[in-house]
Amino acid sequence: MEDQHILQNSQATARERYIRHGQNYGETNRMAEISKTYGSSILFRRWGATIFDFIFFIIGYICFFISVIQVTDRWLLPLAIASRCILIIAFFCYYLLLEGYTGYTLGKFVFRIKVVNGEGNPPGFLKSLIRTLLRLIDTNPLLMGSLPAGISVLVTASRQRIGDLAAGTYVVKVRDLEPISKKAMRWSLFIFFTAMVILGASFVNAIFVLANSYESNEAPVSKQEQSYVSRDGRFQISAPLDWSTDPDWEGKADIAIFNPYIQKSVIVRSNSKEKLGNVTRQYYTKKIQNNITKEFNLSTVGPSSNTTIQGYPATQFTIKGQKDVDRYVTHVAIIETENNFYQIIGYTPASKYSRLKKELHDITYSFREVRP
């Protein structure tokens, strides 16, 4: 016990000597010597900071995703690709610039550790660039859970991960560094709280968007749309600009549209009451249900509900089933006018229906007869 106490005191004394006097004691690399005095606790601080930063990015990306959906009202494939590119660039610049010029990330600021060069200063652009590039390998939470970095920190004398070894940098406890100037402290605090405010505002906005998404709407939301008219010019529907005519249904439906980026489509068919023998809407609805269920396996017809669409009496229901290996939800509206019955049928994968049902609802409610 006495020997251990003497060892701890000698490590503390060495640390204080390097902090106060640096190279006056003949050392060419102060931070390396300080890092050698650390035990495994520095690993847990570094790991905690990495997880903190990772969670920060995940929350930020989710909020960004929801905000984009609010603005564009859809998640196009190009937009999805662009958002991921933005995320990668933001992730790269976050570490490159913050660590390079302040030594901190938000996680390191919280866990009171700092990236420095051998003299205890922020590492600068070039060293930070090397660290950041290698971070994609040794501290990536999605790649072996940052295991390469953890092993490297444990086995190296100066507690360095692979990126530190390549860049000649060290991660040290803030308490072991010389006090920074008030200007530098204010700058670090400004960066930290600005990021927190941006994240907080994005989070509040995302909550607001999600809360409003559960409000029921009896009419389509006003947004940029285009109209699709039936081949005989008798009726039309409207859909957002990212929808287009579906060539696969040409000749099989009066109107057929789909979104080329997301699996969703709508078709409209009409039947003359006179040709059907003036059947009731209830009879016609049952016939349509039977016809659609023949297309699917394990079909389940949901309850029907009566409503009005553009002043016309209508019946709505859903059918859940499986076609080939995919599960689908089919949203159907049967509209009765003076001379005709209309089927408006929307298809979407079951996994996406909860997110897309409002859009299908809006397209359905845009139906109107141009002429009887």
Protein backbone atom coordinates (compact mmCIF):
# COMPACT_ATOMS: atom_id res chain seq x y z
CA MET A 1 0.00 0.00 0.00
CA GLU A 2 2.82 2.39 0.91
CA ASP A 3 4.63 1.64 -2.37
CA GLN A 4 1.43 2.25 -4.34
CA HIS A 5 0.93 5.57 -2.54
CA ILE A 6 4.49 6.61 -3.36
CA LEU A 7 3.93 5.64 -7.05
CA GLN A 8 0.74 7.71 -7.27
CA ASN A 9 2.48 10.68 -5.67
CA SER A 10 5.38 10.42 -8.11
CA GLN A 11 2.98 10.34 -11.09
CA ALA A 12 1.15 13.38 -9.79
CA THR A 13 4.44 15.18 -9.21
CA ALA A 14 5.61 14.36 -12.73
CA ARG A 15 2.36 15.60 -14.19
CA GLU A 16 2.57 18.89 -12.29
CA ARG A 17 6.21 19.33 -13.36
CA TYR A 18 5.37 18.98 -17.06
CA ILE A 19 2.39 21.29 -16.75
CA ARG A 20 4.33 24.06 -14.99
CA HIS A 21 7.77 23.81 -16.54
CA GLY A 22 7.47 21.83 -19.76
CA GLN A 23 10.69 21.56 -21.70
CA ASN A 24 12.78 23.21 -18.95
CA TYR A 25 13.06 19.68 -17.56
CA GLY A 26 14.56 18.38 -20.75
CA GLU A 27 11.44 16.80 -22.23
CA THR A 28 10.81 17.26 -25.94
CA ASN A 29 7.18 16.18 -25.81
CA ARG A 30 5.29 17.33 -22.74
CA MET A 31 1.91 15.86 -23.68
CA ALA A 32 3.36 12.41 -24.35
CA GLU A 33 4.82 12.32 -20.86
CA ILE A 34 1.59 13.52 -19.27
CA SER A 35 -0.39 10.91 -21.23
CA LYS A 36 1.88 8.16 -19.87
CA THR A 37 0.64 8.93 -16.36
CA TYR A 38 -2.98 8.06 -17.25
CA GLY A 39 -4.64 4.81 -16.39
CA SER A 40 -7.63 3.24 -18.13
CA SER A 41 -9.92 6.08 -17.01
CA ILE A 42 -8.89 8.15 -20.06
CA LEU A 43 -10.28 5.38 -22.28
CA PHE A 44 -13.72 5.68 -20.70
CA ARG A 45 -13.66 9.46 -21.04
CA ARG A 46 -12.74 9.20 -24.70
CA TRP A 47 -15.32 6.52 -25.35
CA GLY A 48 -17.98 8.55 -23.55
CA ALA A 49 -17.13 11.61 -25.64
CA THR A 50 -17.34 9.56 -28.86
CA ILE A 51 -20.76 8.14 -27.96
CA PHE A 52 -21.96 11.63 -26.96
CA ASP A 53 -20.93 13.03 -30.34
CA PHE A 54 -22.49 10.06 -32.17
CA ILE A 55 -25.83 10.51 -30.38
CA PHE A 56 -25.66 14.25 -31.11
CA PHE A 57 -25.34 13.49 -34.82
CA ILE A 58 -28.12 10.89 -34.83
CA ILE A 59 -30.56 13.26 -33.11
CA GLY A 60 -29.50 16.09 -35.41
CA TYR A 61 -30.00 13.94 -38.51
CA ILE A 62 -33.46 12.78 -37.40
CA CYS A 63 -34.49 16.39 -36.76
CA PHE A 64 -33.08 17.38 -40.17
CA PHE A 65 -35.00 14.51 -41.80
CA ILE A 66 -38.30 15.60 -40.22
CA SER A 67 -37.71 19.27 -41.08
CA VAL A 68 -37.05 18.43 -44.74
CA ILE A 69 -40.21 16.35 -44.89
CA GLN A 70 -42.11 19.34 -43.51
CA VAL A 71 -40.77 21.67 -46.19
CA THR A 72 -40.97 19.35 -49.22
CA ASP A 73 -43.83 17.11 -48.02
CA ARG A 74 -41.95 14.08 -49.33
CA TRP A 75 -38.66 12.23 -49.21
CA LEU A 76 -37.38 11.91 -52.77
CA LEU A 77 -34.54 9.55 -53.58
CA PRO A 78 -32.23 12.41 -54.70
CA LEU A 79 -33.08 14.28 -51.53
CA ALA A 80 -32.34 11.19 -49.45
CA ILE A 81 -28.94 10.83 -51.14
CA ALA A 82 -28.20 14.55 -50.73
CA SER A 83 -29.09 14.45 -47.03
CA ARG A 84 -26.69 11.58 -46.43
CA CYS A 85 -23.94 13.45 -48.28
CA ILE A 86 -24.63 16.49 -46.12
CA LEU A 87 -24.45 14.30 -43.01
CA ILE A 88 -21.05 12.88 -44.03
CA ILE A 89 -19.66 16.33 -44.83
CA ALA A 90 -21.00 17.76 -41.56
CA PHE A 91 -19.55 14.81 -39.62
CA PHE A 92 -16.15 15.30 -41.28
CA CYS A 93 -16.05 19.08 -40.77
CA TYR A 94 -17.29 18.76 -37.19
CA TYR A 95 -14.18 16.86 -36.12
CA LEU A 96 -11.78 18.49 -38.57
CA LEU A 97 -12.50 22.10 -37.61
CA LEU A 98 -13.50 21.84 -33.97
CA GLU A 99 -10.65 19.55 -32.94
CA GLY A 100 -8.19 21.26 -35.23
CA TYR A 101 -8.75 24.78 -33.96
CA THR A 102 -10.16 24.35 -30.44
CA GLY A 103 -9.14 20.81 -29.44
CA TYR A 104 -12.73 20.09 -28.42
CA THR A 105 -15.85 18.45 -29.74
CA LEU A 106 -19.10 18.69 -27.79
CA GLY A 107 -18.42 15.27 -26.32
CA LYS A 108 -14.86 16.15 -25.32
CA PHE A 109 -16.05 19.43 -23.82
CA VAL A 110 -18.57 17.55 -21.65
CA PHE A 111 -16.06 14.89 -20.59
CA ARG A 112 -13.32 17.48 -19.97
CA ILE A 113 -10.70 16.12 -22.35
CA LYS A 114 -8.94 17.87 -25.22
CA VAL A 115 -7.00 17.03 -28.37
CA VAL A 116 -3.55 18.64 -28.37
CA ASN A 117 -0.18 18.48 -30.08
CA GLY A 118 3.05 17.78 -28.20
CA GLU A 119 3.15 21.32 -26.78
CA GLY A 120 -0.42 21.26 -25.44
CA ASN A 121 -1.96 23.44 -28.18
CA PRO A 122 -4.84 22.60 -30.54
CA PRO A 123 -3.37 20.37 -33.25
CA GLY A 124 -4.17 22.55 -36.26
CA PHE A 125 -5.65 21.70 -39.65
CA LEU A 126 -3.20 19.11 -40.99
CA LYS A 127 -2.96 16.97 -37.86
CA SER A 128 -6.72 17.19 -37.39
CA LEU A 129 -7.23 16.11 -41.00
CA ILE A 130 -5.17 12.97 -40.41
CA ARG A 131 -7.05 12.20 -37.17
CA THR A 132 -10.42 12.72 -38.84
CA LEU A 133 -9.66 10.51 -41.84
CA LEU A 134 -8.53 7.66 -39.58
CA ARG A 135 -11.55 8.20 -37.32
CA LEU A 136 -13.62 6.57 -40.03
CA ILE A 137 -11.74 3.36 -39.23
CA ASP A 138 -10.83 3.27 -35.56
CA THR A 139 -13.59 5.25 -33.80
CA ASN A 140 -16.55 4.53 -36.03
CA PRO A 141 -19.36 3.26 -33.72
CA LEU A 142 -20.76 1.31 -36.67
CA LEU A 143 -17.42 -0.43 -37.31
CA MET A 144 -16.65 -2.87 -34.49
CA GLY A 145 -18.00 -0.33 -31.97
CA SER A 146 -14.77 1.74 -31.84
CA LEU A 147 -12.90 -1.39 -30.76
CA PRO A 148 -9.69 -0.61 -32.73
CA ALA A 149 -9.38 2.75 -30.97
CA GLY A 150 -10.04 1.21 -27.57
CA ILE A 151 -7.37 -1.45 -28.00
CA SER A 152 -4.86 1.11 -29.27
CA VAL A 153 -5.47 3.43 -26.31
CA LEU A 154 -4.98 0.58 -23.86
CA VAL A 155 -1.77 -0.83 -25.34
CA THR A 156 0.12 2.35 -26.30
CA ALA A 157 2.29 4.08 -23.69
CA SER A 158 0.81 7.53 -24.35
CA ARG A 159 -2.81 6.29 -24.60
CA GLN A 160 -3.15 7.12 -28.31
CA ARG A 161 -5.59 5.73 -30.83
CA ILE A 162 -4.48 4.97 -34.39
CA GLY A 163 -5.35 8.48 -35.57
CA ASP A 164 -3.29 10.01 -32.75
CA LEU A 165 -0.28 7.87 -33.60
CA ALA A 166 -0.41 8.92 -37.24
CA ALA A 167 -0.99 12.62 -36.52
CA GLY A 168 1.26 12.96 -33.47
CA THR A 169 -1.58 14.14 -31.23
CA TYR A 170 -2.72 13.32 -27.73
CA VAL A 171 -5.95 13.45 -25.79
CA VAL A 172 -5.37 14.76 -22.28
CA LYS A 173 -7.49 15.79 -19.36
CA VAL A 174 -8.24 19.50 -19.28
CA ARG A 175 -7.09 19.74 -15.67
CA ASP A 176 -3.57 18.78 -16.79
CA LEU A 177 -3.27 21.65 -19.25
CA GLU A 178 -2.24 25.20 -18.63
CA PRO A 179 -5.29 27.47 -18.15
CA ILE A 180 -6.45 28.83 -21.50
CA SER A 181 -7.10 32.50 -22.06
CA LYS A 182 -10.49 33.99 -21.34
CA LYS A 183 -10.91 34.68 -25.04
CA ALA A 184 -10.35 31.02 -25.94
CA MET A 185 -12.70 29.92 -23.18
CA ARG A 186 -15.43 32.27 -24.40
CA TRP A 187 -14.94 30.97 -27.95
CA SER A 188 -15.27 27.34 -26.85
CA LEU A 189 -18.35 28.09 -24.77
CA PHE A 190 -19.88 29.98 -27.67
CA ILE A 191 -19.40 27.01 -30.01
CA PHE A 192 -20.80 24.59 -27.44
CA PHE A 193 -23.94 26.56 -26.63
CA THR A 194 -24.57 27.50 -30.27
CA ALA A 195 -24.60 23.83 -31.21
CA MET A 196 -26.91 23.08 -28.30
CA VAL A 197 -29.30 25.86 -29.30
CA ILE A 198 -29.38 24.67 -32.92
CA LEU A 199 -29.99 21.07 -31.84
CA GLY A 200 -32.63 22.17 -29.31
CA ALA A 201 -34.46 24.30 -31.89
CA SER A 202 -34.38 21.43 -34.42
CA PHE A 203 -35.68 19.03 -31.78
CA VAL A 204 -38.56 21.34 -30.81
CA ASN A 205 -39.41 21.85 -34.49
CA ALA A 206 -39.40 18.09 -35.09
CA ILE A 207 -41.74 17.53 -32.13
CA PHE A 208 -44.03 20.26 -33.45
CA VAL A 209 -44.10 18.68 -36.93
CA LEU A 210 -44.81 15.22 -35.52
CA ALA A 211 -47.59 16.57 -33.30
CA ASN A 212 -49.25 18.33 -36.22
CA SER A 213 -48.96 15.27 -38.44
CA TYR A 214 -51.63 13.54 -36.36
CA GLU A 215 -54.23 16.21 -37.04
CA SER A 216 -57.05 14.95 -39.25
CA ASN A 217 -57.69 16.80 -42.49
CA GLU A 218 -60.92 16.59 -44.47
CA ALA A 219 -59.44 18.26 -47.56
CA PRO A 220 -56.12 18.20 -49.36
CA VAL A 221 -53.35 20.38 -47.99
CA SER A 222 -52.59 23.33 -50.28
CA LYS A 223 -49.32 22.67 -52.11
CA GLN A 224 -47.93 22.60 -55.62
CA GLU A 225 -49.80 19.97 -57.59
CA GLN A 226 -50.60 18.90 -61.11
CA SER A 227 -53.87 17.55 -62.44
CA TYR A 228 -54.41 14.26 -64.25
CA VAL A 229 -57.49 14.04 -66.48
CA SER A 230 -59.12 10.81 -67.60
CA ARG A 231 -58.74 9.73 -71.21
CA ASP A 232 -62.32 10.74 -72.02
CA GLY A 233 -61.93 14.06 -70.19
CA ARG A 234 -64.80 13.39 -67.78
CA PHE A 235 -62.98 13.53 -64.42
CA GLN A 236 -59.62 14.28 -62.84
CA ILE A 237 -57.47 13.99 -59.74
CA SER A 238 -54.53 16.06 -58.50
CA ALA A 239 -51.20 14.89 -57.09
CA PRO A 240 -47.91 16.48 -55.98
CA LEU A 241 -45.30 17.35 -58.58
CA ASP A 242 -43.15 14.30 -57.84
CA TRP A 243 -45.88 11.99 -59.19
CA SER A 244 -46.19 11.11 -62.88
CA THR A 245 -48.26 9.00 -65.26
CA ASP A 246 -47.73 5.26 -64.78
CA PRO A 247 -47.04 3.65 -68.18
CA ASP A 248 -47.54 0.14 -66.81
CA TRP A 249 -51.27 0.83 -66.36
CA GLU A 250 -51.83 2.44 -69.75
CA GLY A 251 -55.08 1.10 -71.19
CA LYS A 252 -55.97 -0.68 -67.93
CA ALA A 253 -57.32 2.33 -65.99
CA ASP A 254 -58.84 5.72 -66.77
CA ILE A 255 -56.12 7.44 -64.71
CA ALA A 256 -52.94 5.79 -63.43
CA ILE A 257 -50.19 7.69 -61.60
CA PHE A 258 -47.25 6.69 -59.45
CA ASN A 259 -44.23 8.11 -57.62
CA PRO A 260 -41.05 6.83 -59.31
CA TYR A 261 -38.93 7.29 -56.16
CA ILE A 262 -41.17 5.63 -53.57
CA GLN A 263 -43.41 2.59 -54.04
CA LYS A 264 -46.82 4.20 -54.20
CA SER A 265 -49.40 4.44 -56.95
CA VAL A 266 -53.01 5.45 -57.54
CA ILE A 267 -55.39 4.31 -60.26
CA VAL A 268 -58.92 5.51 -61.04
CA ARG A 269 -61.54 3.49 -62.86
CA SER A 270 -65.14 4.33 -63.73
CA ASN A 271 -68.26 2.31 -64.42
CA SER A 272 -71.55 3.53 -65.81
CA LYS A 273 -74.54 2.92 -63.55
CA GLU A 274 -76.68 2.22 -66.59
CA LYS A 275 -74.36 -0.55 -67.79
CA LEU A 276 -74.23 -2.06 -64.30
CA GLY A 277 -78.00 -2.18 -64.08
CA ASN A 278 -78.34 0.64 -61.52
CA VAL A 279 -76.91 -1.39 -58.62
CA THR A 280 -76.45 0.16 -55.18
CA ARG A 281 -73.15 1.57 -53.95
CA GLN A 282 -73.05 -1.13 -51.25
CA TYR A 283 -73.36 -3.88 -53.87
CA TYR A 284 -70.75 -2.24 -56.10
CA THR A 285 -68.37 -1.86 -53.13
CA LYS A 286 -68.66 -5.55 -52.28
CA LYS A 287 -67.93 -6.49 -55.88
CA ILE A 288 -64.80 -4.31 -55.93
CA GLN A 289 -63.60 -5.82 -52.64
CA ASN A 290 -63.90 -9.31 -54.10
CA ASN A 291 -62.05 -8.31 -57.28
CA ILE A 292 -59.14 -6.72 -55.40
CA THR A 293 -58.70 -9.55 -52.91
CA LYS A 294 -58.17 -11.96 -55.81
CA GLU A 295 -54.92 -10.10 -56.57
CA PHE A 296 -53.49 -10.70 -53.10
CA ASN A 297 -52.72 -13.60 -50.81
CA LEU A 298 -53.77 -13.55 -47.13
CA SER A 299 -56.03 -10.56 -47.90
CA THR A 300 -57.76 -8.84 -45.00
CA VAL A 301 -60.52 -6.33 -45.75
CA GLY A 302 -60.79 -3.53 -43.21
CA PRO A 303 -64.07 -1.98 -42.07
CA SER A 304 -65.85 0.33 -44.50
CA SER A 305 -66.70 3.91 -43.66
CA ASN A 306 -69.08 6.28 -45.40
CA THR A 307 -67.97 9.80 -46.23
CA THR A 308 -68.37 12.52 -48.85
CA ILE A 309 -65.78 13.50 -51.46
CA GLN A 310 -66.34 16.77 -53.31
CA GLY A 311 -69.99 16.55 -52.25
CA TYR A 312 -70.46 13.01 -53.62
CA PRO A 313 -71.37 10.10 -51.33
CA ALA A 314 -68.46 7.69 -50.99
CA THR A 315 -67.29 4.57 -49.17
CA GLN A 316 -63.69 3.96 -48.06
CA PHE A 317 -61.89 0.84 -46.88
CA THR A 318 -58.44 -0.76 -46.86
CA ILE A 319 -57.24 -4.20 -47.87
CA LYS A 320 -54.07 -5.71 -46.43
CA GLY A 321 -52.43 -8.55 -48.28
CA GLN A 322 -49.35 -10.05 -49.86
CA LYS A 323 -48.39 -10.04 -53.53
CA ASP A 324 -45.37 -12.12 -54.48
CA VAL A 325 -43.08 -11.59 -51.44
CA ASP A 326 -44.19 -8.05 -50.55
CA ARG A 327 -46.92 -6.99 -48.16
CA TYR A 328 -49.16 -4.18 -49.35
CA VAL A 329 -51.95 -1.97 -48.11
CA THR A 330 -54.56 -0.92 -50.66
CA HIS A 331 -56.63 2.14 -49.87
CA VAL A 332 -59.90 2.20 -51.81
CA ALA A 333 -62.57 4.88 -52.21
CA ILE A 334 -65.82 4.19 -54.06
CA ILE A 335 -67.47 7.42 -55.21
CA GLU A 336 -71.05 7.58 -56.48
CA THR A 337 -72.16 10.38 -58.81
CA GLU A 338 -75.39 10.79 -60.67
CA ASN A 339 -74.45 8.53 -63.56
CA ASN A 340 -71.29 6.69 -62.52
CA PHE A 341 -69.34 4.80 -59.89
CA TYR A 342 -65.64 5.57 -59.52
CA GLN A 343 -62.90 3.50 -57.90
CA ILE A 344 -59.86 5.35 -56.55
CA ILE A 345 -57.32 2.74 -55.54
CA GLY A 346 -54.02 3.60 -53.84
CA TYR A 347 -51.25 1.02 -53.39
CA THR A 348 -48.31 1.25 -50.98
CA PRO A 349 -46.07 -1.21 -49.08
CA ALA A 350 -47.45 -2.00 -45.65
CA SER A 351 -44.27 -0.72 -43.99
CA LYS A 352 -44.81 2.75 -45.51
CA TYR A 353 -48.58 3.08 -45.24
CA SER A 354 -48.68 4.96 -41.94
CA ARG A 355 -46.41 7.66 -43.41
CA LEU A 356 -48.07 7.81 -46.83
CA LYS A 357 -51.75 7.42 -46.00
CA LYS A 358 -52.32 11.17 -45.67
CA GLU A 359 -50.93 11.74 -49.16
CA LEU A 360 -53.18 9.02 -50.58
CA HIS A 361 -56.06 10.62 -48.67
CA ASP A 362 -55.33 14.02 -50.24
CA ILE A 363 -55.15 12.59 -53.76
CA THR A 364 -58.43 10.77 -53.22
CA TYR A 365 -60.16 13.92 -51.98
CA SER A 366 -58.93 15.89 -55.00
CA PHE A 367 -61.28 13.89 -57.29
CA ARG A 368 -63.86 15.85 -59.23
CA GLU A 369 -65.98 15.37 -62.33
CA VAL A 370 -65.14 17.75 -65.17
CA ARG A 371 -68.29 16.78 -67.01
CA PRO A 372 -70.81 13.96 -66.35
